[in-house]
């Protein structure tokens, strides 16, 4: 069930991207052998220091997707304060807490 949803959502994103930039291409859909992993290539936005760059990403979907978000890792070396240099994982600065907690 989750695999069909993942494939459908990725297909919809390829058909109708959320924005003009950054441009991305899905290079590997999830397969029977590896149903929760996809790969993509993203072009650096033109108005950024990453313009002209092409960056490979790995997308890992948790077993309880869509109730938990996928994890995205840069496979291309990325020098950015929110990307860890050893694993390529994206470190989000947002602290998501329940209402009322600080």
PDB file of N, CA and C in Angstrom:
ATOM      1  N   UNK A   1       0.824  -1.198   0.000  1.00  0.00           N
ATOM      2  CA  UNK A   1       0.000   0.000   0.000  1.00  0.00           C
ATOM      3  C   UNK A   1       0.860   1.251   0.000  1.00  0.00           C
ATOM      4  N   UNK A   2       1.838   1.329   0.924  1.00  0.00           N
ATOM      5  CA  UNK A   2       2.684   2.517   0.993  1.00  0.00           C
ATOM      6  C   UNK A   2       3.506   2.669  -0.280  1.00  0.00           C
ATOM      7  N   UNK A   3       3.964   1.550  -0.851  1.00  0.00           N
ATOM      8  CA  UNK A   3       4.777   1.636  -2.062  1.00  0.00           C
ATOM      9  C   UNK A   3       3.979   2.215  -3.225  1.00  0.00           C
ATOM     10  N   UNK A   4       2.729   1.816  -3.375  1.00  0.00           N
ATOM     11  CA  UNK A   4       1.902   2.384  -4.445  1.00  0.00           C
ATOM     12  C   UNK A   4       1.726   3.882  -4.245  1.00  0.00           C
ATOM     13  N   UNK A   5       1.511   4.291  -3.003  1.00  0.00           N
ATOM     14  CA  UNK A   5       1.339   5.724  -2.719  1.00  0.00           C
ATOM     15  C   UNK A   5       2.618   6.489  -3.026  1.00  0.00           C
ATOM     16  N   UNK A   6       3.759   5.950  -2.611  1.00  0.00           N
ATOM     17  CA  UNK A   6       5.045   6.601  -2.877  1.00  0.00           C
ATOM     18  C   UNK A   6       5.246   6.777  -4.379  1.00  0.00           C
ATOM     19  N   UNK A   7       5.042   5.713  -5.140  1.00  0.00           N
ATOM     20  CA  UNK A   7       5.217   5.790  -6.596  1.00  0.00           C
ATOM     21  C   UNK A   7       4.247   6.776  -7.227  1.00  0.00           C
ATOM     22  N   UNK A   8       2.998   6.777  -6.771  1.00  0.00           N
ATOM     23  CA  UNK A   8       2.000   7.712  -7.311  1.00  0.00           C
ATOM     24  C   UNK A   8       2.393   9.158  -7.023  1.00  0.00           C
ATOM     25  N   UNK A   9       2.823   9.446  -5.787  1.00  0.00           N
ATOM     26  CA  UNK A   9       3.186  10.817  -5.426  1.00  0.00           C
ATOM     27  C   UNK A   9       4.435  11.279  -6.168  1.00  0.00           C
ATOM     28  N   UNK A  10       5.415  10.403  -6.324  1.00  0.00           N
ATOM     29  CA  UNK A  10       6.614  10.783  -7.069  1.00  0.00           C
ATOM     30  C   UNK A  10       6.282  11.035  -8.536  1.00  0.00           C
ATOM     31  N   UNK A  11       5.405  10.215  -9.103  1.00  0.00           N
ATOM     32  CA  UNK A  11       4.985  10.403 -10.482  1.00  0.00           C
ATOM     33  C   UNK A  11       4.251  11.729 -10.648  1.00  0.00           C
ATOM     34  N   UNK A  12       3.378  12.068  -9.700  1.00  0.00           N
ATOM     35  CA  UNK A  12       2.655  13.344  -9.755  1.00  0.00           C
ATOM     36  C   UNK A  12       3.624  14.524  -9.672  1.00  0.00           C
ATOM     37  N   UNK A  13       4.640  14.422  -8.838  1.00  0.00           N
ATOM     38  CA  UNK A  13       5.624  15.502  -8.723  1.00  0.00           C
ATOM     39  C   UNK A  13       6.419  15.692 -10.006  1.00  0.00           C
ATOM     40  N   UNK A  14       6.706  14.597 -10.704  1.00  0.00           N
ATOM     41  CA  UNK A  14       7.420  14.723 -11.973  1.00  0.00           C
ATOM     42  C   UNK A  14       6.536  15.389 -13.018  1.00  0.00           C
ATOM     43  N   UNK A  15       5.244  15.068 -13.012  1.00  0.00           N
ATOM     44  CA  UNK A  15       4.323  15.630 -13.987  1.00  0.00           C
ATOM     45  C   UNK A  15       4.027  17.105 -13.719  1.00  0.00           C
ATOM     46  N   UNK A  16       3.916  17.458 -12.442  1.00  0.00           N
ATOM     47  CA  UNK A  16       3.579  18.831 -12.074  1.00  0.00           C
ATOM     48  C   UNK A  16       4.434  19.254 -10.879  1.00  0.00           C
ATOM     49  N   UNK A  17       5.635  19.803 -11.150  1.00  0.00           N
ATOM     50  CA  UNK A  17       6.526  20.223 -10.054  1.00  0.00           C
ATOM     51  C   UNK A  17       5.880  21.298  -9.186  1.00  0.00           C
ATOM     52  N   UNK A  18       6.320  21.356  -7.935  1.00  0.00           N
ATOM     53  CA  UNK A  18       5.782  22.348  -7.001  1.00  0.00           C
ATOM     54  C   UNK A  18       6.246  23.760  -7.324  1.00  0.00           C
ATOM     55  N   UNK A  19       7.413  23.895  -7.972  1.00  0.00           N
ATOM     56  CA  UNK A  19       7.928  25.218  -8.311  1.00  0.00           C
ATOM     57  C   UNK A  19       8.823  25.122  -9.536  1.00  0.00           C
ATOM     58  N   UNK A  20       9.173  26.274 -10.092  1.00  0.00           N
ATOM     59  CA  UNK A  20      10.066  26.309 -11.251  1.00  0.00           C
ATOM     60  C   UNK A  20      11.506  25.977 -10.866  1.00  0.00           C
ATOM     61  N   UNK A  21      11.910  26.428  -9.695  1.00  0.00           N
ATOM     62  CA  UNK A  21      13.270  26.173  -9.224  1.00  0.00           C
ATOM     63  C   UNK A  21      13.228  25.664  -7.799  1.00  0.00           C
ATOM     64  N   UNK A  22      14.120  24.842  -7.390  1.00  0.00           N
ATOM     65  CA  UNK A  22      15.146  24.223  -8.219  1.00  0.00           C
ATOM     66  C   UNK A  22      14.547  23.113  -9.079  1.00  0.00           C
ATOM     67  N   UNK A  23      15.147  22.917 -10.263  1.00  0.00           N
ATOM     68  CA  UNK A  23      14.689  21.851 -11.151  1.00  0.00           C
ATOM     69  C   UNK A  23      15.258  20.533 -10.654  1.00  0.00           C
ATOM     70  N   UNK A  24      14.446  19.504 -10.694  1.00  0.00           N
ATOM     71  CA  UNK A  24      14.902  18.204 -10.230  1.00  0.00           C
ATOM     72  C   UNK A  24      14.371  17.116 -11.143  1.00  0.00           C
ATOM     73  N   UNK A  25      15.072  16.011 -11.136  1.00  0.00           N
ATOM     74  CA  UNK A  25      14.701  14.855 -11.935  1.00  0.00           C
ATOM     75  C   UNK A  25      14.781  13.622 -11.054  1.00  0.00           C
ATOM     76  N   UNK A  26      13.761  12.820 -11.083  1.00  0.00           N
ATOM     77  CA  UNK A  26      13.793  11.565 -10.360  1.00  0.00           C
ATOM     78  C   UNK A  26      14.586  10.580 -11.205  1.00  0.00           C
ATOM     79  N   UNK A  27      15.688  10.073 -10.662  1.00  0.00           N
ATOM     80  CA  UNK A  27      16.560   9.193 -11.436  1.00  0.00           C
ATOM     81  C   UNK A  27      16.360   7.725 -11.114  1.00  0.00           C
ATOM     82  N   UNK A  28      15.738   7.423  -9.990  1.00  0.00           N
ATOM     83  CA  UNK A  28      15.511   6.025  -9.624  1.00  0.00           C
ATOM     84  C   UNK A  28      14.262   5.925  -8.757  1.00  0.00           C
ATOM     85  N   UNK A  29      13.256   5.271  -9.290  1.00  0.00           N
ATOM     86  CA  UNK A  29      12.030   5.036  -8.540  1.00  0.00           C
ATOM     87  C   UNK A  29      12.239   3.889  -7.558  1.00  0.00           C
ATOM     88  N   UNK A  30      11.434   3.809  -6.519  1.00  0.00           N
ATOM     89  CA  UNK A  30      11.483   2.637  -5.641  1.00  0.00           C
ATOM     90  C   UNK A  30      11.203   1.367  -6.454  1.00  0.00           C
ATOM     91  N   UNK A  31      11.839   0.269  -6.079  1.00  0.00           N
ATOM     92  CA  UNK A  31      11.668  -1.004  -6.783  1.00  0.00           C
ATOM     93  C   UNK A  31      11.156  -2.066  -5.816  1.00  0.00           C
ATOM     94  N   UNK A  32      10.840  -3.230  -6.339  1.00  0.00           N
ATOM     95  CA  UNK A  32      10.405  -4.339  -5.491  1.00  0.00           C
ATOM     96  C   UNK A  32      11.482  -4.701  -4.475  1.00  0.00           C
ATOM     97  N   UNK A  33      12.747  -4.679  -4.911  1.00  0.00           N
ATOM     98  CA  UNK A  33      13.846  -5.028  -4.023  1.00  0.00           C
ATOM     99  C   UNK A  33      14.088  -3.964  -2.959  1.00  0.00           C
ATOM    100  N   UNK A  34      13.859  -2.712  -3.308  1.00  0.00           N
ATOM    101  CA  UNK A  34      14.111  -1.601  -2.401  1.00  0.00           C
ATOM    102  C   UNK A  34      12.932  -0.625  -2.486  1.00  0.00           C
ATOM    103  N   UNK A  35      11.796  -0.972  -1.896  1.00  0.00           N
ATOM    104  CA  UNK A  35      10.574  -0.200  -2.100  1.00  0.00           C
ATOM    105  C   UNK A  35      10.518   1.150  -1.408  1.00  0.00           C
ATOM    106  N   UNK A  36      11.426   1.439  -0.521  1.00  0.00           N
ATOM    107  CA  UNK A  36      11.343   2.683   0.236  1.00  0.00           C
ATOM    108  C   UNK A  36      12.478   3.655  -0.062  1.00  0.00           C
ATOM    109  N   UNK A  37      13.196   3.442  -1.170  1.00  0.00           N
ATOM    110  CA  UNK A  37      14.304   4.329  -1.520  1.00  0.00           C
ATOM    111  C   UNK A  37      14.140   4.828  -2.946  1.00  0.00           C
ATOM    112  N   UNK A  38      14.351   6.127  -3.126  1.00  0.00           N
ATOM    113  CA  UNK A  38      14.343   6.741  -4.452  1.00  0.00           C
ATOM    114  C   UNK A  38      15.576   7.628  -4.541  1.00  0.00           C
ATOM    115  N   UNK A  39      15.967   7.967  -5.757  1.00  0.00           N
ATOM    116  CA  UNK A  39      17.085   8.877  -5.974  1.00  0.00           C
ATOM    117  C   UNK A  39      16.649   9.974  -6.930  1.00  0.00           C
ATOM    118  N   UNK A  40      17.227  11.157  -6.736  1.00  0.00           N
ATOM    119  CA  UNK A  40      16.889  12.306  -7.574  1.00  0.00           C
ATOM    120  C   UNK A  40      18.130  13.155  -7.805  1.00  0.00           C
ATOM    121  N   UNK A  41      18.063  13.995  -8.829  1.00  0.00           N
ATOM    122  CA  UNK A  41      19.105  14.974  -9.105  1.00  0.00           C
ATOM    123  C   UNK A  41      18.455  16.350  -9.083  1.00  0.00           C
ATOM    124  N   UNK A  42      19.084  17.288  -8.373  1.00  0.00           N
ATOM    125  CA  UNK A  42      18.560  18.649  -8.252  1.00  0.00           C
ATOM    126  C   UNK A  42      19.587  19.615  -8.819  1.00  0.00           C
ATOM    127  N   UNK A  43      19.109  20.584  -9.603  1.00  0.00           N
ATOM    128  CA  UNK A  43      19.985  21.637 -10.104  1.00  0.00           C
ATOM    129  C   UNK A  43      19.991  22.789  -9.112  1.00  0.00           C
ATOM    130  N   UNK A  44      21.163  23.398  -8.922  1.00  0.00           N
ATOM    131  CA  UNK A  44      21.255  24.543  -8.024  1.00  0.00           C
ATOM    132  C   UNK A  44      20.432  25.712  -8.545  1.00  0.00           C
ATOM    133  N   UNK A  45      19.715  26.415  -7.666  1.00  0.00           N
ATOM    134  CA  UNK A  45      18.926  27.582  -8.097  1.00  0.00           C
ATOM    135  C   UNK A  45      19.807  28.651  -8.735  1.00  0.00           C
ATOM    136  N   UNK A  46      19.306  29.308  -9.768  1.00  0.00           N
ATOM    137  CA  UNK A  46      20.104  30.280 -10.519  1.00  0.00           C
ATOM    138  C   UNK A  46      20.535  31.475  -9.678  1.00  0.00           C
ATOM    139  N   UNK A  47      19.754  31.849  -8.690  1.00  0.00           N
ATOM    140  CA  UNK A  47      20.088  33.032  -7.888  1.00  0.00           C
ATOM    141  C   UNK A  47      20.817  32.667  -6.596  1.00  0.00           C
ATOM    142  N   UNK A  48      21.604  31.602  -6.634  1.00  0.00           N
ATOM    143  CA  UNK A  48      22.300  31.160  -5.429  1.00  0.00           C
ATOM    144  C   UNK A  48      23.756  30.807  -5.754  1.00  0.00           C
ATOM    145  N   UNK A  49      24.580  30.627  -4.723  1.00  0.00           N
ATOM    146  CA  UNK A  49      25.957  30.183  -4.973  1.00  0.00           C
ATOM    147  C   UNK A  49      26.026  28.784  -5.585  1.00  0.00           C
ATOM    148  N   UNK A  50      24.925  28.042  -5.563  1.00  0.00           N
ATOM    149  CA  UNK A  50      24.896  26.684  -6.096  1.00  0.00           C
ATOM    150  C   UNK A  50      24.463  26.632  -7.564  1.00  0.00           C
ATOM    151  N   UNK A  51      24.288  27.804  -8.191  1.00  0.00           N
ATOM    152  CA  UNK A  51      23.861  27.880  -9.592  1.00  0.00           C
ATOM    153  C   UNK A  51      24.831  27.098 -10.474  1.00  0.00           C
ATOM    154  N   UNK A  52      24.273  26.330 -11.396  1.00  0.00           N
ATOM    155  CA  UNK A  52      25.080  25.533 -12.309  1.00  0.00           C
ATOM    156  C   UNK A  52      25.476  24.176 -11.757  1.00  0.00           C
ATOM    157  N   UNK A  53      25.232  23.951 -10.471  1.00  0.00           N
ATOM    158  CA  UNK A  53      25.581  22.672  -9.864  1.00  0.00           C
ATOM    159  C   UNK A  53      24.473  21.652 -10.018  1.00  0.00           C
ATOM    160  N   UNK A  54      24.861  20.389 -10.020  1.00  0.00           N
ATOM    161  CA  UNK A  54      23.899  19.287 -10.044  1.00  0.00           C
ATOM    162  C   UNK A  54      24.187  18.415  -8.833  1.00  0.00           C
ATOM    163  N   UNK A  55      23.181  18.150  -8.034  1.00  0.00           N
ATOM    164  CA  UNK A  55      23.356  17.475  -6.763  1.00  0.00           C
ATOM    165  C   UNK A  55      22.485  16.217  -6.703  1.00  0.00           C
ATOM    166  N   UNK A  56      23.098  15.101  -6.350  1.00  0.00           N
ATOM    167  CA  UNK A  56      22.371  13.838  -6.242  1.00  0.00           C
ATOM    168  C   UNK A  56      21.819  13.693  -4.827  1.00  0.00           C
ATOM    169  N   UNK A  57      20.565  13.225  -4.758  1.00  0.00           N
ATOM    170  CA  UNK A  57      19.875  13.027  -3.484  1.00  0.00           C
ATOM    171  C   UNK A  57      19.406  11.587  -3.361  1.00  0.00           C
ATOM    172  N   UNK A  58      19.375  11.098  -2.148  1.00  0.00           N
ATOM    173  CA  UNK A  58      18.735   9.819  -1.854  1.00  0.00           C
ATOM    174  C   UNK A  58      17.554  10.116  -0.933  1.00  0.00           C
ATOM    175  N   UNK A  59      16.410   9.547  -1.260  1.00  0.00           N
ATOM    176  CA  UNK A  59      15.191   9.772  -0.486  1.00  0.00           C
ATOM    177  C   UNK A  59      14.790   8.437   0.126  1.00  0.00           C
ATOM    178  N   UNK A  60      14.695   8.401   1.453  1.00  0.00           N
ATOM    179  CA  UNK A  60      14.309   7.174   2.146  1.00  0.00           C
ATOM    180  C   UNK A  60      12.963   7.381   2.834  1.00  0.00           C
ATOM    181  N   UNK A  61      12.010   6.547   2.471  1.00  0.00           N
ATOM    182  CA  UNK A  61      10.676   6.632   3.032  1.00  0.00           C
ATOM    183  C   UNK A  61      10.554   5.677   4.217  1.00  0.00           C
ATOM    184  N   UNK A  62      10.061   6.150   5.366  1.00  0.00           N
ATOM    185  CA  UNK A  62       9.906   5.265   6.529  1.00  0.00           C
ATOM    186  C   UNK A  62       8.777   4.260   6.297  1.00  0.00           C
ATOM    187  N   UNK A  63       8.778   3.195   7.073  1.00  0.00           N
ATOM    188  CA  UNK A  63       7.751   2.156   6.915  1.00  0.00           C
ATOM    189  C   UNK A  63       6.359   2.680   7.238  1.00  0.00           C
ATOM    190  N   UNK A  64       6.266   3.731   8.059  1.00  0.00           N
ATOM    191  CA  UNK A  64       4.960   4.301   8.382  1.00  0.00           C
ATOM    192  C   UNK A  64       4.662   5.588   7.599  1.00  0.00           C
ATOM    193  N   UNK A  65       5.264   5.718   6.398  1.00  0.00           N
ATOM    194  CA  UNK A  65       4.927   6.815   5.493  1.00  0.00           C
ATOM    195  C   UNK A  65       3.461   6.650   5.097  1.00  0.00           C
ATOM    196  N   UNK A  66       2.670   7.671   5.039  1.00  0.00           N
ATOM    197  CA  UNK A  66       2.910   9.110   5.052  1.00  0.00           C
ATOM    198  C   UNK A  66       2.775   9.755   6.424  1.00  0.00           C
ATOM    199  N   UNK A  67       2.693   8.961   7.476  1.00  0.00           N
ATOM    200  CA  UNK A  67       2.535   9.523   8.809  1.00  0.00           C
ATOM    201  C   UNK A  67       3.838  10.106   9.346  1.00  0.00           C
ATOM    202  N   UNK A  68       4.953   9.680   8.780  1.00  0.00           N
ATOM    203  CA  UNK A  68       6.257  10.276   9.078  1.00  0.00           C
ATOM    204  C   UNK A  68       6.890  10.676   7.760  1.00  0.00           C
ATOM    205  N   UNK A  69       7.613  11.792   7.732  1.00  0.00           N
ATOM    206  CA  UNK A  69       8.172  12.290   6.466  1.00  0.00           C
ATOM    207  C   UNK A  69       9.375  11.467   6.009  1.00  0.00           C
ATOM    208  N   UNK A  70       9.669  11.523   4.708  1.00  0.00           N
ATOM    209  CA  UNK A  70      10.864  10.846   4.218  1.00  0.00           C
ATOM    210  C   UNK A  70      12.117  11.583   4.680  1.00  0.00           C
ATOM    211  N   UNK A  71      13.239  10.868   4.689  1.00  0.00           N
ATOM    212  CA  UNK A  71      14.529  11.479   4.991  1.00  0.00           C
ATOM    213  C   UNK A  71      15.263  11.658   3.675  1.00  0.00           C
ATOM    214  N   UNK A  72      15.903  12.815   3.526  1.00  0.00           N
ATOM    215  CA  UNK A  72      16.620  13.137   2.293  1.00  0.00           C
ATOM    216  C   UNK A  72      18.090  13.336   2.626  1.00  0.00           C
ATOM    217  N   UNK A  73      18.936  12.707   1.828  1.00  0.00           N
ATOM    218  CA  UNK A  73      20.382  12.794   2.015  1.00  0.00           C
ATOM    219  C   UNK A  73      21.031  13.264   0.725  1.00  0.00           C
ATOM    220  N   UNK A  74      21.980  14.178   0.827  1.00  0.00           N
ATOM    221  CA  UNK A  74      22.775  14.569  -0.326  1.00  0.00           C
ATOM    222  C   UNK A  74      23.836  13.511  -0.553  1.00  0.00           C
ATOM    223  N   UNK A  75      23.904  12.950  -1.757  1.00  0.00           N
ATOM    224  CA  UNK A  75      24.951  12.004  -2.112  1.00  0.00           C
ATOM    225  C   UNK A  75      26.142  12.750  -2.709  1.00  0.00           C
ATOM    226  N   UNK A  76      25.896  13.933  -3.240  1.00  0.00           N
ATOM    227  CA  UNK A  76      26.947  14.815  -3.728  1.00  0.00           C
ATOM    228  C   UNK A  76      27.429  15.639  -2.544  1.00  0.00           C
ATOM    229  N   UNK A  77      28.732  15.861  -2.446  1.00  0.00           N
ATOM    230  CA  UNK A  77      29.244  16.712  -1.361  1.00  0.00           C
ATOM    231  C   UNK A  77      28.579  18.075  -1.418  1.00  0.00           C
ATOM    232  N   UNK A  78      28.045  18.487  -0.296  1.00  0.00           N
ATOM    233  CA  UNK A  78      27.320  19.752  -0.211  1.00  0.00           C
ATOM    234  C   UNK A  78      27.901  20.537   0.954  1.00  0.00           C
ATOM    235  N   UNK A  79      28.326  21.739   0.681  1.00  0.00           N
ATOM    236  CA  UNK A  79      28.875  22.599   1.721  1.00  0.00           C
ATOM    237  C   UNK A  79      27.815  23.628   2.098  1.00  0.00           C
ATOM    238  N   UNK A  80      27.052  23.294   3.120  1.00  0.00           N
ATOM    239  CA  UNK A  80      25.951  24.132   3.586  1.00  0.00           C
ATOM    240  C   UNK A  80      25.796  23.889   5.079  1.00  0.00           C
ATOM    241  N   UNK A  81      25.441  24.923   5.811  1.00  0.00           N
ATOM    242  CA  UNK A  81      25.378  24.799   7.265  1.00  0.00           C
ATOM    243  C   UNK A  81      24.298  23.836   7.741  1.00  0.00           C
ATOM    244  N   UNK A  82      23.316  23.502   6.905  1.00  0.00           N
ATOM    245  CA  UNK A  82      22.251  22.598   7.315  1.00  0.00           C
ATOM    246  C   UNK A  82      22.410  21.192   6.737  1.00  0.00           C
ATOM    247  N   UNK A  83      23.581  20.896   6.163  1.00  0.00           N
ATOM    248  CA  UNK A  83      23.849  19.566   5.624  1.00  0.00           C
ATOM    249  C   UNK A  83      25.089  19.024   6.313  1.00  0.00           C
ATOM    250  N   UNK A  84      24.963  17.850   6.941  1.00  0.00           N
ATOM    251  CA  UNK A  84      26.119  17.276   7.631  1.00  0.00           C
ATOM    252  C   UNK A  84      27.109  16.746   6.603  1.00  0.00           C
ATOM    253  N   UNK A  85      28.383  17.007   6.838  1.00  0.00           N
ATOM    254  CA  UNK A  85      29.401  16.649   5.856  1.00  0.00           C
ATOM    255  C   UNK A  85      29.681  15.153   5.794  1.00  0.00           C
ATOM    256  N   UNK A  86      29.474  14.431   6.885  1.00  0.00           N
ATOM    257  CA  UNK A  86      29.805  13.003   6.876  1.00  0.00           C
ATOM    258  C   UNK A  86      28.706  12.125   6.278  1.00  0.00           C
ATOM    259  N   UNK A  87      27.436  12.454   6.505  1.00  0.00           N
ATOM    260  CA  UNK A  87      26.348  11.608   5.999  1.00  0.00           C
ATOM    261  C   UNK A  87      25.531  12.256   4.887  1.00  0.00           C
ATOM    262  N   UNK A  88      25.615  13.587   4.753  1.00  0.00           N
ATOM    263  CA  UNK A  88      24.802  14.277   3.762  1.00  0.00           C
ATOM    264  C   UNK A  88      23.375  14.502   4.205  1.00  0.00           C
ATOM    265  N   UNK A  89      23.066  14.193   5.468  1.00  0.00           N
ATOM    266  CA  UNK A  89      21.698  14.388   5.941  1.00  0.00           C
ATOM    267  C   UNK A  89      21.421  15.874   6.148  1.00  0.00           C
ATOM    268  N   UNK A  90      20.161  16.212   6.021  1.00  0.00           N
ATOM    269  CA  UNK A  90      19.741  17.601   6.161  1.00  0.00           C
ATOM    270  C   UNK A  90      19.332  17.821   7.609  1.00  0.00           C
ATOM    271  N   UNK A  91      20.000  18.760   8.263  1.00  0.00           N
ATOM    272  CA  UNK A  91      19.704  19.097   9.651  1.00  0.00           C
ATOM    273  C   UNK A  91      18.759  20.290   9.645  1.00  0.00           C
ATOM    274  N   UNK A  92      17.563  20.072  10.120  1.00  0.00           N
ATOM    275  CA  UNK A  92      16.563  21.130  10.132  1.00  0.00           C
ATOM    276  C   UNK A  92      16.700  21.944  11.415  1.00  0.00           C
ATOM    277  N   UNK A  93      16.692  23.252  11.275  1.00  0.00           N
ATOM    278  CA  UNK A  93      16.841  24.130  12.431  1.00  0.00           C
ATOM    279  C   UNK A  93      15.528  24.311  13.178  1.00  0.00           C
ATOM    280  N   UNK A  94      14.440  23.828  12.602  1.00  0.00           N
ATOM    281  CA  UNK A  94      13.149  23.980  13.256  1.00  0.00           C
ATOM    282  C   UNK A  94      13.011  22.983  14.389  1.00  0.00           C
ATOM    283  N   UNK A  95      12.488  23.443  15.489  1.00  0.00           N
ATOM    284  CA  UNK A  95      12.219  22.558  16.620  1.00  0.00           C
ATOM    285  C   UNK A  95      10.717  22.367  16.677  1.00  0.00           C
ATOM    286  N   UNK A  96      10.250  21.215  16.203  1.00  0.00           N
ATOM    287  CA  UNK A  96       8.818  20.970  16.145  1.00  0.00           C
ATOM    288  C   UNK A  96       8.352  20.396  17.480  1.00  0.00           C
ATOM    289  N   UNK A  97       7.569  21.175  18.205  1.00  0.00           N
ATOM    290  CA  UNK A  97       7.073  20.734  19.501  1.00  0.00           C
ATOM    291  C   UNK A  97       5.563  20.887  19.537  1.00  0.00           C
ATOM    292  N   UNK A  98       4.959  20.249  20.520  1.00  0.00           N
ATOM    293  CA  UNK A  98       3.520  20.414  20.709  1.00  0.00           C
ATOM    294  C   UNK A  98       3.238  21.832  21.158  1.00  0.00           C
ATOM    295  N   UNK A  99       2.014  22.284  20.931  1.00  0.00           N
ATOM    296  CA  UNK A  99       1.626  23.610  21.366  1.00  0.00           C
ATOM    297  C   UNK A  99       1.791  23.736  22.868  1.00  0.00           C
ATOM    298  N   UNK A 100       2.312  24.861  23.288  1.00  0.00           N
ATOM    299  CA  UNK A 100       2.472  25.112  24.700  1.00  0.00           C
ATOM    300  C   UNK A 100       3.830  24.735  25.243  1.00  0.00           C
ATOM    301  N   UNK A 101       4.571  23.889  24.512  1.00  0.00           N
ATOM    302  CA  UNK A 101       5.907  23.526  24.960  1.00  0.00           C
ATOM    303  C   UNK A 101       6.902  24.536  24.423  1.00  0.00           C
ATOM    304  N   UNK A 102       7.972  24.745  25.168  1.00  0.00           N
ATOM    305  CA  UNK A 102       9.027  25.654  24.710  1.00  0.00           C
ATOM    306  C   UNK A 102      10.359  24.971  24.704  1.00  0.00           C
TER     307      UNK A 102
END
